[in-house]
Amino acid sequence: MEQVSIKNGFTGVLASVGIIAGVAFFTYAALQGEYGMFRLFQVQAQESRLLAEREVLSDSHNRLQNRTHRLSNEYLDLDLLDEQARKVLGLARGDEIVVR
């Protein structure tokens, strides 16, 4: 009778330890694993940084595209062309004062 009681007690303790170990493992995996919460927070932070960078690059791209369009053959902005010619070639009219 004593042996059966000890065996049942040992089995119960072993089962409890197994359950606790399983819960600990899955908790660790849920937090630290490849698809865990900490990785989720890292990915969300990276997503925010990349979206902000995309906005900056998109604005820069749009400005450059607008400037290129204004210098193209289809649409010629004479003021911009004059500004660029003066800047690149260093030209000025005779009646102008150049301040640098």
C-alpha atoms as a PDB file:
ATOM      1  CA  MET A   1       0.000   0.000   0.000  1.00  0.00           C
ATOM      2  CA  GLU A   2       2.850   2.358   0.842  1.00  0.00           C
ATOM      3  CA  GLN A   3       4.543   1.704  -2.496  1.00  0.00           C
ATOM      4  CA  VAL A   4       1.427   2.556  -4.509  1.00  0.00           C
ATOM      5  CA  SER A   5       0.989   5.792  -2.571  1.00  0.00           C
ATOM      6  CA  ILE A   6       4.618   6.804  -3.117  1.00  0.00           C
ATOM      7  CA  LYS A   7       4.377   5.898  -6.801  1.00  0.00           C
ATOM      8  CA  ASN A   8       1.210   7.967  -7.236  1.00  0.00           C
ATOM      9  CA  GLY A   9       2.795  10.883  -5.357  1.00  0.00           C
ATOM     10  CA  PHE A  10       5.942  10.720  -7.499  1.00  0.00           C
ATOM     11  CA  THR A  11       3.844  10.576 -10.679  1.00  0.00           C
ATOM     12  CA  GLY A  12       1.836  13.599  -9.536  1.00  0.00           C
ATOM     13  CA  VAL A  13       4.991  15.589  -8.766  1.00  0.00           C
ATOM     14  CA  LEU A  14       6.528  14.556 -12.076  1.00  0.00           C
ATOM     15  CA  ALA A  15       3.356  15.599 -13.925  1.00  0.00           C
ATOM     16  CA  SER A  16       3.321  18.949 -12.108  1.00  0.00           C
ATOM     17  CA  VAL A  17       6.978  19.576 -12.947  1.00  0.00           C
ATOM     18  CA  GLY A  18       6.288  18.646 -16.576  1.00  0.00           C
ATOM     19  CA  ILE A  19       3.325  21.005 -16.776  1.00  0.00           C
ATOM     20  CA  ILE A  20       5.288  23.847 -15.160  1.00  0.00           C
ATOM     21  CA  ALA A  21       8.211  23.225 -17.533  1.00  0.00           C
ATOM     22  CA  GLY A  22       5.839  23.226 -20.518  1.00  0.00           C
ATOM     23  CA  VAL A  23       4.187  26.458 -19.428  1.00  0.00           C
ATOM     24  CA  ALA A  24       7.611  28.047 -18.830  1.00  0.00           C
ATOM     25  CA  PHE A  25       8.823  26.938 -22.264  1.00  0.00           C
ATOM     26  CA  PHE A  26       5.789  28.283 -24.094  1.00  0.00           C
ATOM     27  CA  THR A  27       5.887  31.536 -22.107  1.00  0.00           C
ATOM     28  CA  TYR A  28       9.554  31.988 -23.012  1.00  0.00           C
ATOM     29  CA  ALA A  29       8.815  31.195 -26.669  1.00  0.00           C
ATOM     30  CA  ALA A  30       5.901  33.655 -26.691  1.00  0.00           C
ATOM     31  CA  LEU A  31       8.133  36.432 -25.391  1.00  0.00           C
ATOM     32  CA  GLN A  32      11.625  35.716 -26.733  1.00  0.00           C
ATOM     33  CA  GLY A  33      11.044  33.389 -29.676  1.00  0.00           C
ATOM     34  CA  GLU A  34      11.423  34.167 -33.358  1.00  0.00           C
ATOM     35  CA  TYR A  35       7.757  35.180 -33.519  1.00  0.00           C
ATOM     36  CA  GLY A  36       7.523  36.412 -29.920  1.00  0.00           C
ATOM     37  CA  MET A  37       6.324  39.692 -28.483  1.00  0.00           C
ATOM     38  CA  PHE A  38       9.765  41.316 -28.322  1.00  0.00           C
ATOM     39  CA  ARG A  39      10.357  40.529 -32.000  1.00  0.00           C
ATOM     40  CA  LEU A  40       6.930  41.981 -32.780  1.00  0.00           C
ATOM     41  CA  PHE A  41       7.880  45.239 -31.052  1.00  0.00           C
ATOM     42  CA  GLN A  42      11.166  45.353 -32.980  1.00  0.00           C
ATOM     43  CA  VAL A  43       9.383  44.821 -36.289  1.00  0.00           C
ATOM     44  CA  GLN A  44       6.809  47.508 -35.479  1.00  0.00           C
ATOM     45  CA  ALA A  45       9.560  49.999 -34.593  1.00  0.00           C
ATOM     46  CA  GLN A  46      11.410  49.144 -37.795  1.00  0.00           C
ATOM     47  CA  GLU A  47       8.193  49.575 -39.771  1.00  0.00           C
ATOM     48  CA  SER A  48       7.686  53.053 -38.288  1.00  0.00           C
ATOM     49  CA  ARG A  49      11.260  54.058 -39.143  1.00  0.00           C
ATOM     50  CA  LEU A  50      10.953  52.746 -42.687  1.00  0.00           C
ATOM     51  CA  LEU A  51       7.613  54.492 -43.250  1.00  0.00           C
ATOM     52  CA  ALA A  52       9.115  57.794 -42.095  1.00  0.00           C
ATOM     53  CA  GLU A  53      12.117  57.266 -44.362  1.00  0.00           C
ATOM     54  CA  ARG A  54       9.796  56.438 -47.252  1.00  0.00           C
ATOM     55  CA  GLU A  55       7.924  59.708 -46.694  1.00  0.00           C
ATOM     56  CA  VAL A  56      11.163  61.698 -46.791  1.00  0.00           C
ATOM     57  CA  LEU A  57      12.339  59.901 -49.926  1.00  0.00           C
ATOM     58  CA  SER A  58       8.948  60.291 -51.574  1.00  0.00           C
ATOM     59  CA  ASP A  59       8.956  64.047 -50.930  1.00  0.00           C
ATOM     60  CA  SER A  60      12.485  64.330 -52.280  1.00  0.00           C
ATOM     61  CA  HIS A  61      11.542  62.281 -55.336  1.00  0.00           C
ATOM     62  CA  ASN A  62       8.484  64.455 -55.998  1.00  0.00           C
ATOM     63  CA  ARG A  63      10.549  67.656 -55.735  1.00  0.00           C
ATOM     64  CA  LEU A  64      13.157  66.292 -58.150  1.00  0.00           C
ATOM     65  CA  GLN A  65      10.486  65.051 -60.528  1.00  0.00           C
ATOM     66  CA  ASN A  66       8.808  68.476 -60.492  1.00  0.00           C
ATOM     67  CA  ARG A  67      12.126  70.227 -61.129  1.00  0.00           C
ATOM     68  CA  THR A  68      12.966  67.817 -63.966  1.00  0.00           C
ATOM     69  CA  HIS A  69       9.552  68.383 -65.513  1.00  0.00           C
ATOM     70  CA  ARG A  70      10.013  72.147 -65.316  1.00  0.00           C
ATOM     71  CA  LEU A  71      13.309  71.852 -67.227  1.00  0.00           C
ATOM     72  CA  SER A  72      11.965  69.410 -69.836  1.00  0.00           C
ATOM     73  CA  ASN A  73      11.091  70.164 -73.458  1.00  0.00           C
ATOM     74  CA  GLU A  74       7.346  69.830 -72.859  1.00  0.00           C
ATOM     75  CA  TYR A  75       7.301  72.519 -70.181  1.00  0.00           C
ATOM     76  CA  LEU A  76       9.977  75.161 -69.970  1.00  0.00           C
ATOM     77  CA  ASP A  77      10.061  77.391 -66.903  1.00  0.00           C
ATOM     78  CA  LEU A  78      12.144  80.341 -68.060  1.00  0.00           C
ATOM     79  CA  ASP A  79      12.789  81.608 -64.543  1.00  0.00           C
ATOM     80  CA  LEU A  80      14.160  78.243 -63.453  1.00  0.00           C
ATOM     81  CA  LEU A  81      16.221  77.943 -66.632  1.00  0.00           C
ATOM     82  CA  ASP A  82      17.648  81.433 -66.076  1.00  0.00           C
ATOM     83  CA  GLU A  83      18.446  80.604 -62.442  1.00  0.00           C
ATOM     84  CA  GLN A  84      20.194  77.363 -63.389  1.00  0.00           C
ATOM     85  CA  ALA A  85      22.176  78.997 -66.209  1.00  0.00           C
ATOM     86  CA  ARG A  86      23.376  81.741 -63.884  1.00  0.00           C
ATOM     87  CA  LYS A  87      24.299  79.236 -61.177  1.00  0.00           C
ATOM     88  CA  VAL A  88      26.084  76.735 -63.436  1.00  0.00           C
ATOM     89  CA  LEU A  89      27.687  79.101 -65.916  1.00  0.00           C
ATOM     90  CA  GLY A  90      28.253  82.004 -63.543  1.00  0.00           C
ATOM     91  CA  LEU A  91      26.689  84.465 -65.973  1.00  0.00           C
ATOM     92  CA  ALA A  92      25.065  87.804 -65.228  1.00  0.00           C
ATOM     93  CA  ARG A  93      23.815  90.690 -67.314  1.00  0.00           C
ATOM     94  CA  GLY A  94      25.878  93.861 -67.536  1.00  0.00           C
ATOM     95  CA  ASP A  95      23.479  95.936 -65.432  1.00  0.00           C
ATOM     96  CA  GLU A  96      23.278  93.400 -62.560  1.00  0.00           C
ATOM     97  CA  ILE A  97      25.209  93.349 -59.313  1.00  0.00           C
ATOM     98  CA  VAL A  98      26.338  89.877 -58.218  1.00  0.00           C
ATOM     99  CA  VAL A  99      26.463  89.260 -54.476  1.00  0.00           C
ATOM    100  CA  ARG A 100      28.130  86.058 -53.235  1.00  0.00           C
END
